[in-house]
C-alpha atoms as a PDB file:
ATOM      1  CA  MET A   1     -97.131  21.561 -23.759  1.00  0.00           C
ATOM      2  CA  GLN A   2     -96.361  24.945 -25.316  1.00  0.00           C
ATOM      3  CA  LEU A   3     -99.329  24.448 -27.665  1.00  0.00           C
ATOM      4  CA  MET A   4    -101.654  24.839 -24.667  1.00  0.00           C
ATOM      5  CA  ALA A   5    -100.298  28.276 -23.775  1.00  0.00           C
ATOM      6  CA  SER A   6    -103.009  30.219 -25.599  1.00  0.00           C
ATOM      7  CA  ASN A   7    -105.862  27.946 -24.499  1.00  0.00           C
ATOM      8  CA  LYS A   8    -108.208  30.111 -22.421  1.00  0.00           C
ATOM      9  CA  ALA A   9    -109.342  27.233 -20.212  1.00  0.00           C
ATOM     10  CA  PHE A  10    -105.720  26.251 -19.575  1.00  0.00           C
ATOM     11  CA  MET A  11    -104.959  29.867 -18.645  1.00  0.00           C
ATOM     12  CA  ARG A  12    -107.884  30.005 -16.226  1.00  0.00           C
ATOM     13  CA  SER A  13    -106.682  26.807 -14.551  1.00  0.00           C
ATOM     14  CA  HIS A  14    -103.712  28.798 -13.217  1.00  0.00           C
ATOM     15  CA  LYS A  15    -104.589  31.031 -10.283  1.00  0.00           C
ATOM     16  CA  LEU A  16    -102.528  34.200  -9.998  1.00  0.00           C
ATOM     17  CA  PRO A  17     -99.639  33.549  -7.590  1.00  0.00           C
ATOM     18  CA  LYS A  18     -99.653  35.200  -4.198  1.00  0.00           C
ATOM     19  CA  PRO A  19     -96.815  37.683  -3.591  1.00  0.00           C
ATOM     20  CA  TYR A  20     -93.654  36.144  -2.174  1.00  0.00           C
ATOM     21  CA  GLN A  21     -90.073  37.358  -1.828  1.00  0.00           C
ATOM     22  CA  HIS A  22     -87.379  34.761  -1.292  1.00  0.00           C
ATOM     23  CA  ILE A  23     -84.338  35.465   0.855  1.00  0.00           C
ATOM     24  CA  SER A  24     -81.892  32.584   0.621  1.00  0.00           C
ATOM     25  CA  GLN A  25     -80.717  31.041   3.877  1.00  0.00           C
ATOM     26  CA  ALA A  26     -78.319  28.673   2.098  1.00  0.00           C
ATOM     27  CA  GLY A  27     -76.178  31.091   0.126  1.00  0.00           C
ATOM     28  CA  GLY A  28     -78.120  30.754  -3.098  1.00  0.00           C
ATOM     29  CA  ALA A  29     -77.348  33.332  -5.758  1.00  0.00           C
ATOM     30  CA  MET A  30     -77.970  34.057  -9.414  1.00  0.00           C
ATOM     31  CA  ILE A  31     -75.243  32.948 -11.810  1.00  0.00           C
ATOM     32  CA  THR A  32     -74.707  32.906 -15.575  1.00  0.00           C
ATOM     33  CA  PHE A  33     -73.354  30.140 -17.778  1.00  0.00           C
ATOM     34  CA  ALA A  34     -72.543  29.757 -21.459  1.00  0.00           C
ATOM     35  CA  THR A  35     -74.924  28.014 -23.840  1.00  0.00           C
ATOM     36  CA  PRO A  36     -73.907  26.229 -27.060  1.00  0.00           C
ATOM     37  CA  ASP A  37     -75.771  28.765 -29.219  1.00  0.00           C
ATOM     38  CA  GLY A  38     -73.196  31.406 -28.255  1.00  0.00           C
ATOM     39  CA  GLN A  39     -75.360  33.115 -25.637  1.00  0.00           C
ATOM     40  CA  GLN A  40     -75.539  33.189 -21.842  1.00  0.00           C
ATOM     41  CA  ALA A  41     -78.220  31.755 -19.556  1.00  0.00           C
ATOM     42  CA  ASN A  42     -79.146  32.397 -15.938  1.00  0.00           C
ATOM     43  CA  ALA A  43     -79.825  30.211 -12.922  1.00  0.00           C
ATOM     44  CA  PHE A  44     -80.313  30.364  -9.174  1.00  0.00           C
ATOM     45  CA  PHE A  45     -77.479  28.209  -7.807  1.00  0.00           C
ATOM     46  CA  ILE A  46     -76.955  26.721  -4.353  1.00  0.00           C
ATOM     47  CA  LYS A  47     -73.624  24.971  -3.986  1.00  0.00           C
ATOM     48  CA  ALA A  48     -73.355  21.825  -1.885  1.00  0.00           C
ATOM     49  CA  ALA A  49     -71.582  22.236   1.447  1.00  0.00           C
ATOM     50  CA  LYS A  50     -69.055  19.549   0.473  1.00  0.00           C
ATOM     51  CA  PRO A  51     -67.780  18.601  -2.993  1.00  0.00           C
ATOM     52  CA  THR A  52     -70.195  16.238  -4.752  1.00  0.00           C
ATOM     53  CA  ASN A  53     -70.963  15.090  -8.274  1.00  0.00           C
ATOM     54  CA  TYR A  54     -74.719  15.256  -7.683  1.00  0.00           C
ATOM     55  CA  THR A  55     -76.617  18.220  -9.120  1.00  0.00           C
ATOM     56  CA  LEU A  56     -80.378  18.727  -9.087  1.00  0.00           C
ATOM     57  CA  PHE A  57     -81.834  20.780 -11.946  1.00  0.00           C
ATOM     58  CA  VAL A  58     -85.028  22.588 -10.944  1.00  0.00           C
ATOM     59  CA  PHE A  59     -87.387  23.753 -13.700  1.00  0.00           C
ATOM     60  CA  GLN A  60     -89.872  26.604 -13.389  1.00  0.00           C
ATOM     61  CA  GLU A  61     -93.618  26.635 -13.927  1.00  0.00           C
ATOM     62  CA  TRP A  62     -94.991  28.693 -16.822  1.00  0.00           C
ATOM     63  CA  TRP A  63     -94.592  31.860 -14.727  1.00  0.00           C
ATOM     64  CA  GLY A  64     -90.788  31.780 -15.012  1.00  0.00           C
ATOM     65  CA  LEU A  65     -87.949  31.639 -12.484  1.00  0.00           C
ATOM     66  CA  ASN A  66     -89.771  33.549  -9.759  1.00  0.00           C
ATOM     67  CA  ASP A  67     -89.115  33.606  -6.026  1.00  0.00           C
ATOM     68  CA  HIS A  68     -91.492  30.692  -5.472  1.00  0.00           C
ATOM     69  CA  ILE A  69     -89.266  28.437  -7.597  1.00  0.00           C
ATOM     70  CA  LYS A  70     -86.186  29.681  -5.754  1.00  0.00           C
ATOM     71  CA  ARG A  71     -87.904  28.737  -2.485  1.00  0.00           C
ATOM     72  CA  GLU A  72     -88.713  25.259  -3.783  1.00  0.00           C
ATOM     73  CA  ALA A  73     -85.120  24.847  -4.994  1.00  0.00           C
ATOM     74  CA  GLU A  74     -83.867  25.746  -1.526  1.00  0.00           C
ATOM     75  CA  HIS A  75     -86.414  23.406   0.047  1.00  0.00           C
ATOM     76  CA  PHE A  76     -84.961  20.523  -1.978  1.00  0.00           C
ATOM     77  CA  TYR A  77     -81.433  21.619  -1.079  1.00  0.00           C
ATOM     78  CA  THR A  78     -82.290  21.533   2.633  1.00  0.00           C
ATOM     79  CA  ASP A  79     -84.122  18.215   2.557  1.00  0.00           C
ATOM     80  CA  LEU A  80     -81.793  16.263   0.272  1.00  0.00           C
ATOM     81  CA  GLY A  81     -78.535  17.035   2.043  1.00  0.00           C
ATOM     82  CA  ASN A  82     -75.288  17.393   0.158  1.00  0.00           C
ATOM     83  CA  VAL A  83     -76.332  18.186  -3.408  1.00  0.00           C
ATOM     84  CA  ASN A  84     -75.788  21.124  -5.760  1.00  0.00           C
ATOM     85  CA  VAL A  85     -79.073  22.730  -6.837  1.00  0.00           C
ATOM     86  CA  LEU A  86     -79.475  24.684 -10.068  1.00  0.00           C
ATOM     87  CA  ALA A  87     -82.836  26.365 -10.713  1.00  0.00           C
ATOM     88  CA  ILE A  88     -82.612  27.254 -14.386  1.00  0.00           C
ATOM     89  CA  ASP A  89     -84.110  30.382 -15.960  1.00  0.00           C
ATOM     90  CA  MET A  90     -85.764  29.148 -19.144  1.00  0.00           C
ATOM     91  CA  TYR A  91     -87.164  32.577 -20.120  1.00  0.00           C
ATOM     92  CA  ASP A  92     -83.867  34.512 -20.175  1.00  0.00           C
ATOM     93  CA  GLY A  93     -84.807  36.907 -17.395  1.00  0.00           C
ATOM     94  CA  LYS A  94     -88.529  37.266 -18.051  1.00  0.00           C
ATOM     95  CA  VAL A  95     -90.962  36.523 -15.213  1.00  0.00           C
ATOM     96  CA  ALA A  96     -94.729  36.607 -15.744  1.00  0.00           C
ATOM     97  CA  THR A  97     -97.120  38.213 -13.278  1.00  0.00           C
ATOM     98  CA  THR A  98    -100.299  37.656 -15.327  1.00  0.00           C
ATOM     99  CA  ARG A  99    -101.743  34.635 -17.111  1.00  0.00           C
ATOM    100  CA  GLU A 100    -101.472  36.486 -20.409  1.00  0.00           C
ATOM    101  CA  GLU A 101     -97.742  37.102 -19.900  1.00  0.00           C
ATOM    102  CA  ALA A 102     -97.183  33.502 -18.831  1.00  0.00           C
ATOM    103  CA  GLY A 103     -99.007  32.210 -21.907  1.00  0.00           C
ATOM    104  CA  LYS A 104     -96.985  34.526 -24.124  1.00  0.00           C
ATOM    105  CA  TYR A 105     -93.646  33.477 -22.612  1.00  0.00           C
ATOM    106  CA  MET A 106     -94.367  29.748 -22.572  1.00  0.00           C
ATOM    107  CA  GLY A 107     -95.960  29.660 -26.007  1.00  0.00           C
ATOM    108  CA  GLY A 108     -93.255  31.841 -27.527  1.00  0.00           C
ATOM    109  CA  ALA A 109     -90.265  30.020 -26.050  1.00  0.00           C
ATOM    110  CA  ASN A 110     -88.049  28.790 -28.876  1.00  0.00           C
ATOM    111  CA  PRO A 111     -87.537  25.001 -28.511  1.00  0.00           C
ATOM    112  CA  LEU A 112     -83.981  25.325 -29.833  1.00  0.00           C
ATOM    113  CA  ARG A 113     -83.209  27.965 -27.214  1.00  0.00           C
ATOM    114  CA  LEU A 114     -84.747  25.839 -24.461  1.00  0.00           C
ATOM    115  CA  GLU A 115     -82.590  22.902 -25.518  1.00  0.00           C
ATOM    116  CA  SER A 116     -79.501  25.107 -25.673  1.00  0.00           C
ATOM    117  CA  ILE A 117     -80.124  26.381 -22.126  1.00  0.00           C
ATOM    118  CA  ILE A 118     -80.455  22.818 -20.849  1.00  0.00           C
ATOM    119  CA  LYS A 119     -77.288  21.721 -22.657  1.00  0.00           C
ATOM    120  CA  GLY A 120     -75.455  24.729 -21.217  1.00  0.00           C
ATOM    121  CA  ALA A 121     -76.592  23.744 -17.721  1.00  0.00           C
ATOM    122  CA  ILE A 122     -75.367  20.181 -18.267  1.00  0.00           C
ATOM    123  CA  ALA A 123     -71.987  21.541 -19.351  1.00  0.00           C
ATOM    124  CA  TYR A 124     -71.926  23.853 -16.329  1.00  0.00           C
ATOM    125  CA  ALA A 125     -72.566  20.908 -13.999  1.00  0.00           C
ATOM    126  CA  GLY A 126     -69.568  19.192 -15.604  1.00  0.00           C
ATOM    127  CA  PRO A 127     -68.807  15.902 -17.358  1.00  0.00           C
ATOM    128  CA  LYS A 128     -68.628  13.988 -14.077  1.00  0.00           C
ATOM    129  CA  ALA A 129     -71.933  15.324 -12.764  1.00  0.00           C
ATOM    130  CA  LYS A 130     -74.752  12.949 -11.951  1.00  0.00           C
ATOM    131  CA  ILE A 131     -77.842  14.929 -12.836  1.00  0.00           C
ATOM    132  CA  ALA A 132     -81.298  14.733 -11.291  1.00  0.00           C
ATOM    133  CA  THR A 133     -84.208  16.822 -12.556  1.00  0.00           C
ATOM    134  CA  VAL A 134     -87.506  18.124 -11.217  1.00  0.00           C
ATOM    135  CA  GLY A 135     -90.092  20.603 -12.463  1.00  0.00           C
ATOM    136  CA  TRP A 136     -93.729  21.651 -12.342  1.00  0.00           C
ATOM    137  CA  CYS A 137     -96.188  22.316 -15.179  1.00  0.00           C
ATOM    138  CA  PHE A 138     -94.057  23.600 -18.102  1.00  0.00           C
ATOM    139  CA  GLY A 139     -91.085  22.611 -15.959  1.00  0.00           C
ATOM    140  CA  GLY A 140     -92.410  19.086 -15.525  1.00  0.00           C
ATOM    141  CA  ALA A 141     -92.118  18.614 -19.268  1.00  0.00           C
ATOM    142  CA  LEU A 142     -88.663  20.218 -19.209  1.00  0.00           C
ATOM    143  CA  SER A 143     -87.555  17.906 -16.396  1.00  0.00           C
ATOM    144  CA  LEU A 144     -88.173  14.877 -18.603  1.00  0.00           C
ATOM    145  CA  LYS A 145     -86.580  16.617 -21.600  1.00  0.00           C
ATOM    146  CA  ALA A 146     -83.473  17.467 -19.554  1.00  0.00           C
ATOM    147  CA  SER A 147     -83.072  13.903 -18.317  1.00  0.00           C
ATOM    148  CA  ILE A 148     -83.187  12.722 -21.917  1.00  0.00           C
ATOM    149  CA  LEU A 149     -80.595  15.325 -22.961  1.00  0.00           C
ATOM    150  CA  ALA A 150     -78.350  14.432 -19.994  1.00  0.00           C
ATOM    151  CA  GLY A 151     -77.806  10.962 -21.475  1.00  0.00           C
ATOM    152  CA  SER A 152     -75.613   8.744 -19.327  1.00  0.00           C
ATOM    153  CA  GLN A 153     -75.320  11.518 -16.716  1.00  0.00           C
ATOM    154  CA  ALA A 154     -79.032  11.325 -15.849  1.00  0.00           C
ATOM    155  CA  THR A 155     -79.683   9.669 -12.515  1.00  0.00           C
ATOM    156  CA  ALA A 156     -83.215  10.685 -11.441  1.00  0.00           C
ATOM    157  CA  CYS A 157     -86.257  12.455 -12.890  1.00  0.00           C
ATOM    158  CA  VAL A 158     -89.365  13.820 -11.164  1.00  0.00           C
ATOM    159  CA  MET A 159     -92.077  15.572 -13.139  1.00  0.00           C
ATOM    160  CA  TYR A 160     -95.059  17.310 -11.578  1.00  0.00           C
ATOM    161  CA  TYR A 161     -98.091  17.575 -13.917  1.00  0.00           C
ATOM    162  CA  GLY A 162     -96.027  18.227 -17.036  1.00  0.00           C
ATOM    163  CA  MET A 163     -96.789  17.045 -20.565  1.00  0.00           C
ATOM    164  CA  PRO A 164     -94.779  13.858 -21.204  1.00  0.00           C
ATOM    165  CA  VAL A 165     -92.643  13.097 -24.235  1.00  0.00           C
ATOM    166  CA  LYS A 166     -94.696  10.751 -26.417  1.00  0.00           C
ATOM    167  CA  ASP A 167     -91.951   9.507 -28.726  1.00  0.00           C
ATOM    168  CA  VAL A 168     -91.044   6.026 -27.520  1.00  0.00           C
ATOM    169  CA  GLU A 169     -87.701   6.196 -29.352  1.00  0.00           C
ATOM    170  CA  GLN A 170     -86.748   9.272 -27.323  1.00  0.00           C
ATOM    171  CA  LEU A 171     -87.859   7.608 -24.109  1.00  0.00           C
ATOM    172  CA  LYS A 172     -85.631   4.634 -24.931  1.00  0.00           C
ATOM    173  CA  THR A 173     -82.602   6.932 -24.555  1.00  0.00           C
ATOM    174  CA  LEU A 174     -83.390   7.706 -20.902  1.00  0.00           C
ATOM    175  CA  ASN A 175     -80.710   6.579 -18.475  1.00  0.00           C
ATOM    176  CA  THR A 176     -83.050   6.825 -15.479  1.00  0.00           C
ATOM    177  CA  ASP A 177     -86.471   5.828 -14.308  1.00  0.00           C
ATOM    178  CA  VAL A 178     -89.126   8.523 -13.776  1.00  0.00           C
ATOM    179  CA  LEU A 179     -91.460   9.510 -10.960  1.00  0.00           C
ATOM    180  CA  GLY A 180     -94.567  11.241 -12.320  1.00  0.00           C
ATOM    181  CA  LEU A 181     -96.796  13.241  -9.953  1.00  0.00           C
ATOM    182  CA  PHE A 182    -100.018  14.270 -11.656  1.00  0.00           C
ATOM    183  CA  ALA A 183    -103.297  16.059 -10.942  1.00  0.00           C
ATOM    184  CA  GLY A 184    -106.171  13.647 -11.467  1.00  0.00           C
ATOM    185  CA  ARG A 185    -108.797  16.365 -11.878  1.00  0.00           C
ATOM    186  CA  GLU A 186    -107.206  18.302 -14.695  1.00  0.00           C
ATOM    187  CA  LYS A 187    -108.411  18.055 -18.290  1.00  0.00           C
ATOM    188  CA  PHE A 188    -105.203  18.911 -20.153  1.00  0.00           C
ATOM    189  CA  ILE A 189    -102.590  16.487 -18.851  1.00  0.00           C
ATOM    190  CA  SER A 190    -105.499  14.143 -18.266  1.00  0.00           C
ATOM    191  CA  PRO A 191    -105.567  10.629 -16.790  1.00  0.00           C
ATOM    192  CA  ALA A 192    -105.632   9.354 -20.408  1.00  0.00           C
ATOM    193  CA  VAL A 193    -102.428  11.273 -21.194  1.00  0.00           C
ATOM    194  CA  VAL A 194    -100.805   9.923 -18.039  1.00  0.00           C
ATOM    195  CA  LYS A 195    -101.820   6.350 -18.906  1.00  0.00           C
ATOM    196  CA  GLU A 196    -100.367   6.754 -22.405  1.00  0.00           C
ATOM    197  CA  PHE A 197     -97.098   7.980 -20.866  1.00  0.00           C
ATOM    198  CA  GLU A 198     -96.981   5.002 -18.516  1.00  0.00           C
ATOM    199  CA  ASP A 199     -97.582   2.628 -21.426  1.00  0.00           C
ATOM    200  CA  ASN A 200     -94.947   4.341 -23.574  1.00  0.00           C
ATOM    201  CA  MET A 201     -92.364   4.120 -20.806  1.00  0.00           C
ATOM    202  CA  LYS A 202     -93.026   0.407 -20.486  1.00  0.00           C
ATOM    203  CA  LEU A 203     -92.692   0.011 -24.262  1.00  0.00           C
ATOM    204  CA  ALA A 204     -89.361   1.823 -24.011  1.00  0.00           C
ATOM    205  CA  GLY A 205     -88.247  -0.576 -21.286  1.00  0.00           C
ATOM    206  CA  LYS A 206     -87.916   2.165 -18.676  1.00  0.00           C
ATOM    207  CA  GLY A 207     -88.993   2.258 -15.048  1.00  0.00           C
ATOM    208  CA  ILE A 208     -91.967   4.465 -14.224  1.00  0.00           C
ATOM    209  CA  GLN A 209     -93.776   5.312 -10.993  1.00  0.00           C
ATOM    210  CA  ILE A 210     -97.028   7.254 -11.290  1.00  0.00           C
ATOM    211  CA  LYS A 211     -99.092   8.916  -8.585  1.00  0.00           C
ATOM    212  CA  SER A 212    -102.223  10.835  -9.565  1.00  0.00           C
ATOM    213  CA  PHE A 213    -103.715  12.997  -6.826  1.00  0.00           C
ATOM    214  CA  ASP A 214    -107.345  13.993  -6.409  1.00  0.00           C
ATOM    215  CA  ALA A 215    -106.357  17.587  -7.097  1.00  0.00           C
ATOM    216  CA  GLU A 216    -106.234  20.313  -9.715  1.00  0.00           C
ATOM    217  CA  HIS A 217    -103.310  21.413 -11.895  1.00  0.00           C
ATOM    218  CA  ALA A 218    -100.614  23.338  -9.949  1.00  0.00           C
ATOM    219  CA  PHE A 219    -101.806  21.854  -6.657  1.00  0.00           C
ATOM    220  CA  ALA A 220     -98.249  21.835  -5.273  1.00  0.00           C
ATOM    221  CA  ASN A 221     -97.578  25.574  -5.629  1.00  0.00           C
ATOM    222  CA  PRO A 222     -97.805  27.218  -2.173  1.00  0.00           C
ATOM    223  CA  SER A 223     -98.366  30.595  -3.840  1.00  0.00           C
ATOM    224  CA  ASN A 224    -101.415  29.190  -5.666  1.00  0.00           C
ATOM    225  CA  PRO A 225    -104.701  30.203  -3.998  1.00  0.00           C
ATOM    226  CA  ALA A 226    -105.947  26.678  -4.837  1.00  0.00           C
ATOM    227  CA  TYR A 227    -102.918  25.058  -3.159  1.00  0.00           C
ATOM    228  CA  ASP A 228    -103.619  21.551  -1.825  1.00  0.00           C
ATOM    229  CA  LYS A 229    -101.510  21.120   1.305  1.00  0.00           C
ATOM    230  CA  VAL A 230    -102.271  17.431   1.872  1.00  0.00           C
ATOM    231  CA  ALA A 231    -101.511  16.384  -1.708  1.00  0.00           C
ATOM    232  CA  THR A 232     -98.399  18.581  -1.770  1.00  0.00           C
ATOM    233  CA  GLU A 233     -96.971  17.020   1.375  1.00  0.00           C
ATOM    234  CA  GLU A 234     -97.562  13.498   0.075  1.00  0.00           C
ATOM    235  CA  ALA A 235     -96.019  14.392  -3.294  1.00  0.00           C
ATOM    236  CA  TRP A 236     -93.032  16.001  -1.564  1.00  0.00           C
ATOM    237  CA  LYS A 237     -92.403  12.874   0.492  1.00  0.00           C
ATOM    238  CA  LEU A 238     -92.572  10.705  -2.624  1.00  0.00           C
ATOM    239  CA  ALA A 239     -90.215  13.019  -4.515  1.00  0.00           C
ATOM    240  CA  THR A 240     -87.617  13.404  -1.755  1.00  0.00           C
ATOM    241  CA  ASN A 241     -87.587   9.678  -0.951  1.00  0.00           C
ATOM    242  CA  TYR A 242     -87.137   8.953  -4.658  1.00  0.00           C
ATOM    243  CA  PHE A 243     -84.219  11.373  -4.891  1.00  0.00           C
ATOM    244  CA  LYS A 244     -82.577  10.196  -1.677  1.00  0.00           C
ATOM    245  CA  ALA A 245     -82.546   6.623  -3.000  1.00  0.00           C
ATOM    246  CA  ARG A 246     -80.665   7.763  -6.119  1.00  0.00           C
ATOM    247  CA  LEU A 247     -78.442  10.649  -4.968  1.00  0.00           C
ATOM    248  CA  ASN A 248     -75.973   8.764  -2.827  1.00  0.00           C
END
């Protein structure tokens, strides 16, 4: 998906986000954790009210870990009940406010660093953690990547309009099924790409649920001027019901 970062049409498909400042009502706060490359990473963390092994990883859009993503992380925390929520900063503190910045950050993100951040988050969650993942756009791709990296700890994966992994051998290592929520009108992660992903998951012997909405890319972002409320609410219900069936 990073290869699309400099595509002008892909850039134009992202409306500039409306201003939003998130004030956590659930005690969410920024934390740091160690990564296996010897560095530190950041995340917005909301701890479950009672001890639990379930942790939901939330992955940002191409803009970065902005207040919109923190809001969505808290929305999941509130709706899902007793679960830890970790919204992971994949840009090491950088947040884009223009399409050009977002393209630069997404396209320039080092895949080894991205993997190291995810592995650090898995270690932070702990060896007994049962890990669920969700993300949008760039984060949709990272959600699937993180579930693969989580190995036997993976328990659920939701990806919103993110570029799927195409390597069937990698998909065979998934320990969970996947719910894919896609935008049927977009040209980049197109219906053909989605169909290929569905076929590859079946070849890998993995469960896959696909829902393509009559909507544009980033339809589920409330800060997007092209936000589609009806599609978002249906997608949210599908995602939360999927998680609730697996996080108990």
